């Protein structure tokens, strides 16, 4: 599934992907790859704050359930969005 999502991201089908990714992230809330893909789709739709909110949700959940921080990949995506919006 995530490879198909990557293909759609490459094709710019962000609006189609957001509902699917939101559902997948709800089903698998600790899946960083899905969260990263959701953040990218939201950001590219001009919804940077929603993308940052998605990051915040997974960060809090990882800390509470796993005692871990997000991966460097997820952190880089969050910083990229933040830098662009400042």
PDB file of N, CA and C in Angstrom:
ATOM      1  N   UNK A   1       0.827  -1.210   0.000  1.00  0.00           N
ATOM      2  CA  UNK A   1       0.000   0.000   0.000  1.00  0.00           C
ATOM      3  C   UNK A   1       0.860   1.259   0.000  1.00  0.00           C
ATOM      4  N   UNK A   2       1.912   1.280   0.819  1.00  0.00           N
ATOM      5  CA  UNK A   2       2.702   2.506   0.898  1.00  0.00           C
ATOM      6  C   UNK A   2       3.407   2.812  -0.415  1.00  0.00           C
ATOM      7  N   UNK A   3       3.769   1.788  -1.185  1.00  0.00           N
ATOM      8  CA  UNK A   3       4.392   2.039  -2.495  1.00  0.00           C
ATOM      9  C   UNK A   3       3.385   2.686  -3.441  1.00  0.00           C
ATOM     10  N   UNK A   4       2.144   2.249  -3.406  1.00  0.00           N
ATOM     11  CA  UNK A   4       1.117   2.884  -4.238  1.00  0.00           C
ATOM     12  C   UNK A   4       0.905   4.339  -3.828  1.00  0.00           C
ATOM     13  N   UNK A   5       0.957   4.595  -2.546  1.00  0.00           N
ATOM     14  CA  UNK A   5       0.830   5.967  -2.052  1.00  0.00           C
ATOM     15  C   UNK A   5       2.003   6.805  -2.562  1.00  0.00           C
ATOM     16  N   UNK A   6       3.207   6.252  -2.527  1.00  0.00           N
ATOM     17  CA  UNK A   6       4.375   6.972  -3.035  1.00  0.00           C
ATOM     18  C   UNK A   6       4.205   7.338  -4.501  1.00  0.00           C
ATOM     19  N   UNK A   7       3.679   6.423  -5.274  1.00  0.00           N
ATOM     20  CA  UNK A   7       3.459   6.687  -6.703  1.00  0.00           C
ATOM     21  C   UNK A   7       2.460   7.828  -6.866  1.00  0.00           C
ATOM     22  N   UNK A   8       1.373   7.792  -6.114  1.00  0.00           N
ATOM     23  CA  UNK A   8       0.384   8.868  -6.198  1.00  0.00           C
ATOM     24  C   UNK A   8       0.960  10.197  -5.715  1.00  0.00           C
ATOM     25  N   UNK A   9       1.830  10.171  -4.714  1.00  0.00           N
ATOM     26  CA  UNK A   9       2.493  11.402  -4.275  1.00  0.00           C
ATOM     27  C   UNK A   9       3.347  11.965  -5.409  1.00  0.00           C
ATOM     28  N   UNK A  10       4.089  11.095  -6.071  1.00  0.00           N
ATOM     29  CA  UNK A  10       4.926  11.521  -7.197  1.00  0.00           C
ATOM     30  C   UNK A  10       4.086  12.107  -8.326  1.00  0.00           C
ATOM     31  N   UNK A  11       2.882  11.613  -8.479  1.00  0.00           N
ATOM     32  CA  UNK A  11       1.985  12.099  -9.536  1.00  0.00           C
ATOM     33  C   UNK A  11       1.215  13.349  -9.125  1.00  0.00           C
ATOM     34  N   UNK A  12       1.365  13.755  -7.859  1.00  0.00           N
ATOM     35  CA  UNK A  12       0.703  14.972  -7.406  1.00  0.00           C
ATOM     36  C   UNK A  12      -0.763  14.799  -7.060  1.00  0.00           C
ATOM     37  N   UNK A  13      -1.186  13.608  -6.722  1.00  0.00           N
ATOM     38  CA  UNK A  13      -2.591  13.336  -6.408  1.00  0.00           C
ATOM     39  C   UNK A  13      -2.870  13.561  -4.918  1.00  0.00           C
ATOM     40  N   UNK A  14      -2.425  14.674  -4.409  1.00  0.00           N
ATOM     41  CA  UNK A  14      -2.485  14.957  -2.971  1.00  0.00           C
ATOM     42  C   UNK A  14      -3.909  14.969  -2.428  1.00  0.00           C
ATOM     43  N   UNK A  15      -4.811  15.626  -3.123  1.00  0.00           N
ATOM     44  CA  UNK A  15      -6.191  15.731  -2.637  1.00  0.00           C
ATOM     45  C   UNK A  15      -6.853  14.358  -2.532  1.00  0.00           C
ATOM     46  N   UNK A  16      -6.534  13.475  -3.457  1.00  0.00           N
ATOM     47  CA  UNK A  16      -7.088  12.118  -3.413  1.00  0.00           C
ATOM     48  C   UNK A  16      -6.482  11.303  -2.275  1.00  0.00           C
ATOM     49  N   UNK A  17      -5.226  11.588  -1.966  1.00  0.00           N
ATOM     50  CA  UNK A  17      -4.503  10.801  -0.978  1.00  0.00           C
ATOM     51  C   UNK A  17      -4.831  11.148   0.470  1.00  0.00           C
ATOM     52  N   UNK A  18      -5.124  12.402   0.739  1.00  0.00           N
ATOM     53  CA  UNK A  18      -5.304  12.822   2.134  1.00  0.00           C
ATOM     54  C   UNK A  18      -6.358  11.989   2.866  1.00  0.00           C
ATOM     55  N   UNK A  19      -7.565  11.798   2.335  1.00  0.00           N
ATOM     56  CA  UNK A  19      -8.542  10.983   3.077  1.00  0.00           C
ATOM     57  C   UNK A  19      -8.058   9.551   3.315  1.00  0.00           C
ATOM     58  N   UNK A  20      -7.441   8.954   2.320  1.00  0.00           N
ATOM     59  CA  UNK A  20      -6.918   7.598   2.468  1.00  0.00           C
ATOM     60  C   UNK A  20      -5.822   7.560   3.538  1.00  0.00           C
ATOM     61  N   UNK A  21      -4.892   8.492   3.463  1.00  0.00           N
ATOM     62  CA  UNK A  21      -3.798   8.518   4.433  1.00  0.00           C
ATOM     63  C   UNK A  21      -4.295   8.795   5.844  1.00  0.00           C
ATOM     64  N   UNK A  22      -5.271   9.669   5.966  1.00  0.00           N
ATOM     65  CA  UNK A  22      -5.832   9.935   7.301  1.00  0.00           C
ATOM     66  C   UNK A  22      -6.437   8.657   7.889  1.00  0.00           C
ATOM     67  N   UNK A  23      -7.132   7.900   7.056  1.00  0.00           N
ATOM     68  CA  UNK A  23      -7.716   6.637   7.509  1.00  0.00           C
ATOM     69  C   UNK A  23      -6.622   5.642   7.889  1.00  0.00           C
ATOM     70  N   UNK A  24      -5.602   5.530   7.058  1.00  0.00           N
ATOM     71  CA  UNK A  24      -4.516   4.593   7.335  1.00  0.00           C
ATOM     72  C   UNK A  24      -3.754   4.969   8.601  1.00  0.00           C
ATOM     73  N   UNK A  25      -3.525   6.261   8.798  1.00  0.00           N
ATOM     74  CA  UNK A  25      -2.831   6.714  10.008  1.00  0.00           C
ATOM     75  C   UNK A  25      -3.685   6.457  11.239  1.00  0.00           C
ATOM     76  N   UNK A  26      -4.988   6.598  11.106  1.00  0.00           N
ATOM     77  CA  UNK A  26      -5.880   6.293  12.229  1.00  0.00           C
ATOM     78  C   UNK A  26      -5.805   4.803  12.587  1.00  0.00           C
ATOM     79  N   UNK A  27      -5.712   3.959  11.557  1.00  0.00           N
ATOM     80  CA  UNK A  27      -5.629   2.515  11.786  1.00  0.00           C
ATOM     81  C   UNK A  27      -4.258   2.096  12.310  1.00  0.00           C
ATOM     82  N   UNK A  28      -3.213   2.801  11.877  1.00  0.00           N
ATOM     83  CA  UNK A  28      -1.837   2.464  12.264  1.00  0.00           C
ATOM     84  C   UNK A  28      -1.138   3.733  12.748  1.00  0.00           C
ATOM     85  N   UNK A  29      -1.531   4.234  13.923  1.00  0.00           N
ATOM     86  CA  UNK A  29      -1.082   5.554  14.387  1.00  0.00           C
ATOM     87  C   UNK A  29       0.407   5.678  14.689  1.00  0.00           C
ATOM     88  N   UNK A  30       1.128   4.584  14.757  1.00  0.00           N
ATOM     89  CA  UNK A  30       2.567   4.658  15.027  1.00  0.00           C
ATOM     90  C   UNK A  30       3.409   4.391  13.781  1.00  0.00           C
ATOM     91  N   UNK A  31       2.773   4.329  12.625  1.00  0.00           N
ATOM     92  CA  UNK A  31       3.476   4.081  11.372  1.00  0.00           C
ATOM     93  C   UNK A  31       4.051   5.400  10.851  1.00  0.00           C
ATOM     94  N   UNK A  32       5.345   5.572  11.047  1.00  0.00           N
ATOM     95  CA  UNK A  32       5.983   6.834  10.667  1.00  0.00           C
ATOM     96  C   UNK A  32       5.977   7.080   9.164  1.00  0.00           C
ATOM     97  N   UNK A  33       6.068   6.035   8.394  1.00  0.00           N
ATOM     98  CA  UNK A  33       6.063   6.212   6.934  1.00  0.00           C
ATOM     99  C   UNK A  33       4.727   6.777   6.467  1.00  0.00           C
ATOM    100  N   UNK A  34       3.648   6.230   6.971  1.00  0.00           N
ATOM    101  CA  UNK A  34       2.328   6.760   6.617  1.00  0.00           C
ATOM    102  C   UNK A  34       2.167   8.194   7.083  1.00  0.00           C
ATOM    103  N   UNK A  35       2.631   8.477   8.288  1.00  0.00           N
ATOM    104  CA  UNK A  35       2.521   9.845   8.805  1.00  0.00           C
ATOM    105  C   UNK A  35       3.330  10.816   7.946  1.00  0.00           C
ATOM    106  N   UNK A  36       4.517  10.408   7.542  1.00  0.00           N
ATOM    107  CA  UNK A  36       5.337  11.258   6.672  1.00  0.00           C
ATOM    108  C   UNK A  36       4.628  11.520   5.356  1.00  0.00           C
ATOM    109  N   UNK A  37       4.039  10.479   4.794  1.00  0.00           N
ATOM    110  CA  UNK A  37       3.311  10.648   3.531  1.00  0.00           C
ATOM    111  C   UNK A  37       2.108  11.575   3.707  1.00  0.00           C
ATOM    112  N   UNK A  38       1.415  11.448   4.821  1.00  0.00           N
ATOM    113  CA  UNK A  38       0.295  12.340   5.104  1.00  0.00           C
ATOM    114  C   UNK A  38       0.780  13.782   5.228  1.00  0.00           C
ATOM    115  N   UNK A  39       1.871  13.975   5.950  1.00  0.00           N
ATOM    116  CA  UNK A  39       2.418  15.322   6.109  1.00  0.00           C
ATOM    117  C   UNK A  39       2.781  15.932   4.759  1.00  0.00           C
ATOM    118  N   UNK A  40       3.396  15.158   3.891  1.00  0.00           N
ATOM    119  CA  UNK A  40       3.779  15.656   2.564  1.00  0.00           C
ATOM    120  C   UNK A  40       2.541  16.049   1.764  1.00  0.00           C
ATOM    121  N   UNK A  41       1.536  15.178   1.742  1.00  0.00           N
ATOM    122  CA  UNK A  41       0.321  15.469   0.976  1.00  0.00           C
ATOM    123  C   UNK A  41      -0.374  16.718   1.509  1.00  0.00           C
ATOM    124  N   UNK A  42      -0.492  16.828   2.825  1.00  0.00           N
ATOM    125  CA  UNK A  42      -1.136  18.007   3.414  1.00  0.00           C
ATOM    126  C   UNK A  42      -0.358  19.273   3.097  1.00  0.00           C
ATOM    127  N   UNK A  43       0.949  19.211   3.248  1.00  0.00           N
ATOM    128  CA  UNK A  43       1.780  20.391   2.980  1.00  0.00           C
ATOM    129  C   UNK A  43       1.662  20.827   1.534  1.00  0.00           C
ATOM    130  N   UNK A  44       1.666  19.892   0.631  1.00  0.00           N
ATOM    131  CA  UNK A  44       1.600  20.240  -0.793  1.00  0.00           C
ATOM    132  C   UNK A  44       0.227  20.739  -1.209  1.00  0.00           C
ATOM    133  N   UNK A  45      -0.758  20.522  -0.363  1.00  0.00           N
ATOM    134  CA  UNK A  45      -2.088  21.100  -0.595  1.00  0.00           C
ATOM    135  C   UNK A  45      -2.224  22.470   0.060  1.00  0.00           C
ATOM    136  N   UNK A  46      -1.135  22.962   0.654  1.00  0.00           N
ATOM    137  CA  UNK A  46      -1.177  24.255   1.327  1.00  0.00           C
ATOM    138  C   UNK A  46      -1.705  24.159   2.747  1.00  0.00           C
ATOM    139  N   UNK A  47      -1.686  22.980   3.313  1.00  0.00           N
ATOM    140  CA  UNK A  47      -2.210  22.754   4.658  1.00  0.00           C
ATOM    141  C   UNK A  47      -1.060  22.422   5.619  1.00  0.00           C
ATOM    142  N   UNK A  48      -0.087  23.338   5.661  1.00  0.00           N
ATOM    143  CA  UNK A  48       1.112  23.112   6.476  1.00  0.00           C
ATOM    144  C   UNK A  48       0.765  22.911   7.946  1.00  0.00           C
ATOM    145  N   UNK A  49      -0.162  23.675   8.475  1.00  0.00           N
ATOM    146  CA  UNK A  49      -0.505  23.526   9.892  1.00  0.00           C
ATOM    147  C   UNK A  49      -1.100  22.149  10.172  1.00  0.00           C
ATOM    148  N   UNK A  50      -1.917  21.654   9.266  1.00  0.00           N
ATOM    149  CA  UNK A  50      -2.467  20.307   9.441  1.00  0.00           C
ATOM    150  C   UNK A  50      -1.351  19.262   9.400  1.00  0.00           C
ATOM    151  N   UNK A  51      -0.359  19.484   8.534  1.00  0.00           N
ATOM    152  CA  UNK A  51       0.787  18.569   8.457  1.00  0.00           C
ATOM    153  C   UNK A  51       1.561  18.586   9.771  1.00  0.00           C
ATOM    154  N   UNK A  52       1.772  19.764  10.324  1.00  0.00           N
ATOM    155  CA  UNK A  52       2.488  19.875  11.599  1.00  0.00           C
ATOM    156  C   UNK A  52       1.668  19.273  12.739  1.00  0.00           C
ATOM    157  N   UNK A  53       0.362  19.403  12.668  1.00  0.00           N
ATOM    158  CA  UNK A  53      -0.509  18.773  13.677  1.00  0.00           C
ATOM    159  C   UNK A  53      -0.394  17.248  13.616  1.00  0.00           C
ATOM    160  N   UNK A  54      -0.308  16.701  12.397  1.00  0.00           N
ATOM    161  CA  UNK A  54      -0.141  15.251  12.243  1.00  0.00           C
ATOM    162  C   UNK A  54       1.176  14.807  12.867  1.00  0.00           C
ATOM    163  N   UNK A  55       2.216  15.602  12.659  1.00  0.00           N
ATOM    164  CA  UNK A  55       3.508  15.291  13.279  1.00  0.00           C
ATOM    165  C   UNK A  55       3.380  15.302  14.803  1.00  0.00           C
ATOM    166  N   UNK A  56       2.746  16.311  15.324  1.00  0.00           N
ATOM    167  CA  UNK A  56       2.603  16.440  16.778  1.00  0.00           C
ATOM    168  C   UNK A  56       1.856  15.244  17.370  1.00  0.00           C
ATOM    169  N   UNK A  57       0.824  14.791  16.692  1.00  0.00           N
ATOM    170  CA  UNK A  57       0.059  13.637  17.184  1.00  0.00           C
ATOM    171  C   UNK A  57       0.924  12.382  17.265  1.00  0.00           C
ATOM    172  N   UNK A  58       1.692  12.105  16.214  1.00  0.00           N
ATOM    173  CA  UNK A  58       2.509  10.893  16.252  1.00  0.00           C
ATOM    174  C   UNK A  58       3.644  11.041  17.260  1.00  0.00           C
ATOM    175  N   UNK A  59       4.203  12.240  17.384  1.00  0.00           N
ATOM    176  CA  UNK A  59       5.269  12.460  18.352  1.00  0.00           C
ATOM    177  C   UNK A  59       4.773  12.176  19.763  1.00  0.00           C
ATOM    178  N   UNK A  60       3.609  12.721  20.101  1.00  0.00           N
ATOM    179  CA  UNK A  60       3.042  12.511  21.437  1.00  0.00           C
ATOM    180  C   UNK A  60       2.698  11.035  21.668  1.00  0.00           C
ATOM    181  N   UNK A  61       2.157  10.394  20.662  1.00  0.00           N
ATOM    182  CA  UNK A  61       1.776   8.991  20.816  1.00  0.00           C
ATOM    183  C   UNK A  61       2.998   8.095  20.977  1.00  0.00           C
ATOM    184  N   UNK A  62       4.037   8.373  20.197  1.00  0.00           N
ATOM    185  CA  UNK A  62       5.271   7.586  20.314  1.00  0.00           C
ATOM    186  C   UNK A  62       5.885   7.749  21.700  1.00  0.00           C
ATOM    187  N   UNK A  63       5.882   8.969  22.192  1.00  0.00           N
ATOM    188  CA  UNK A  63       6.445   9.212  23.524  1.00  0.00           C
ATOM    189  C   UNK A  63       5.642   8.483  24.588  1.00  0.00           C
ATOM    190  N   UNK A  64       4.319   8.555  24.500  1.00  0.00           N
ATOM    191  CA  UNK A  64       3.461   7.952  25.515  1.00  0.00           C
ATOM    192  C   UNK A  64       3.475   6.426  25.456  1.00  0.00           C
ATOM    193  N   UNK A  65       3.420   5.874  24.255  1.00  0.00           N
ATOM    194  CA  UNK A  65       3.275   4.419  24.124  1.00  0.00           C
ATOM    195  C   UNK A  65       4.591   3.667  24.013  1.00  0.00           C
ATOM    196  N   UNK A  66       5.606   4.336  23.443  1.00  0.00           N
ATOM    197  CA  UNK A  66       6.864   3.638  23.201  1.00  0.00           C
ATOM    198  C   UNK A  66       8.052   4.245  23.945  1.00  0.00           C
ATOM    199  N   UNK A  67       7.868   5.446  24.480  1.00  0.00           N
ATOM    200  CA  UNK A  67       8.980   6.138  25.123  1.00  0.00           C
ATOM    201  C   UNK A  67      10.066   6.518  24.128  1.00  0.00           C
ATOM    202  N   UNK A  68       9.665   6.796  22.884  1.00  0.00           N
ATOM    203  CA  UNK A  68      10.616   7.104  21.810  1.00  0.00           C
ATOM    204  C   UNK A  68      10.281   8.430  21.150  1.00  0.00           C
ATOM    205  N   UNK A  69      11.288   8.985  20.485  1.00  0.00           N
ATOM    206  CA  UNK A  69      11.103  10.153  19.643  1.00  0.00           C
ATOM    207  C   UNK A  69      10.905   9.687  18.198  1.00  0.00           C
ATOM    208  N   UNK A  70      10.327  10.543  17.367  1.00  0.00           N
ATOM    209  CA  UNK A  70      10.191  10.195  15.950  1.00  0.00           C
ATOM    210  C   UNK A  70      11.559   9.992  15.296  1.00  0.00           C
ATOM    211  N   UNK A  71      11.549   9.274  14.196  1.00  0.00           N
ATOM    212  CA  UNK A  71      12.780   8.996  13.451  1.00  0.00           C
ATOM    213  C   UNK A  71      13.325  10.283  12.828  1.00  0.00           C
ATOM    214  N   UNK A  72      14.610  10.259  12.451  1.00  0.00           N
ATOM    215  CA  UNK A  72      15.189  11.420  11.760  1.00  0.00           C
ATOM    216  C   UNK A  72      14.444  11.781  10.480  1.00  0.00           C
ATOM    217  N   UNK A  73      13.913  10.805   9.780  1.00  0.00           N
ATOM    218  CA  UNK A  73      13.164  11.084   8.537  1.00  0.00           C
ATOM    219  C   UNK A  73      11.936  11.931   8.833  1.00  0.00           C
ATOM    220  N   UNK A  74      11.187  11.549   9.843  1.00  0.00           N
ATOM    221  CA  UNK A  74       9.978  12.288  10.215  1.00  0.00           C
ATOM    222  C   UNK A  74      10.342  13.674  10.748  1.00  0.00           C
ATOM    223  N   UNK A  75      11.411  13.742  11.522  1.00  0.00           N
ATOM    224  CA  UNK A  75      11.883  15.032  12.050  1.00  0.00           C
ATOM    225  C   UNK A  75      12.284  15.969  10.912  1.00  0.00           C
ATOM    226  N   UNK A  76      12.993  15.433   9.908  1.00  0.00           N
ATOM    227  CA  UNK A  76      13.416  16.265   8.774  1.00  0.00           C
ATOM    228  C   UNK A  76      12.216  16.826   8.030  1.00  0.00           C
ATOM    229  N   UNK A  77      11.193  16.000   7.840  1.00  0.00           N
ATOM    230  CA  UNK A  77       9.993  16.479   7.142  1.00  0.00           C
ATOM    231  C   UNK A  77       9.324  17.587   7.936  1.00  0.00           C
ATOM    232  N   UNK A  78       9.244  17.410   9.254  1.00  0.00           N
ATOM    233  CA  UNK A  78       8.648  18.447  10.103  1.00  0.00           C
ATOM    234  C   UNK A  78       9.451  19.747   9.993  1.00  0.00           C
ATOM    235  N   UNK A  79      10.782  19.646  10.066  1.00  0.00           N
ATOM    236  CA  UNK A  79      11.621  20.855   9.968  1.00  0.00           C
ATOM    237  C   UNK A  79      11.497  21.518   8.602  1.00  0.00           C
ATOM    238  N   UNK A  80      11.413  20.715   7.547  1.00  0.00           N
ATOM    239  CA  UNK A  80      11.265  21.275   6.201  1.00  0.00           C
ATOM    240  C   UNK A  80       9.981  22.092   6.105  1.00  0.00           C
ATOM    241  N   UNK A  81       8.913  21.571   6.657  1.00  0.00           N
ATOM    242  CA  UNK A  81       7.632  22.293   6.628  1.00  0.00           C
ATOM    243  C   UNK A  81       7.737  23.561   7.476  1.00  0.00           C
ATOM    244  N   UNK A  82       8.316  23.444   8.654  1.00  0.00           N
ATOM    245  CA  UNK A  82       8.453  24.604   9.530  1.00  0.00           C
ATOM    246  C   UNK A  82       9.278  25.710   8.871  1.00  0.00           C
ATOM    247  N   UNK A  83      10.403  25.352   8.280  1.00  0.00           N
ATOM    248  CA  UNK A  83      11.276  26.342   7.634  1.00  0.00           C
ATOM    249  C   UNK A  83      10.566  27.050   6.503  1.00  0.00           C
ATOM    250  N   UNK A  84       9.766  26.313   5.755  1.00  0.00           N
ATOM    251  CA  UNK A  84       9.044  26.903   4.635  1.00  0.00           C
ATOM    252  C   UNK A  84       7.937  27.848   5.076  1.00  0.00           C
ATOM    253  N   UNK A  85       7.397  27.599   6.257  1.00  0.00           N
ATOM    254  CA  UNK A  85       6.259  28.417   6.706  1.00  0.00           C
ATOM    255  C   UNK A  85       6.697  29.623   7.530  1.00  0.00           C
ATOM    256  N   UNK A  86       7.947  29.665   7.907  1.00  0.00           N
ATOM    257  CA  UNK A  86       8.406  30.803   8.745  1.00  0.00           C
ATOM    258  C   UNK A  86       8.626  32.045   7.937  1.00  0.00           C
TER     259      UNK A  86
END
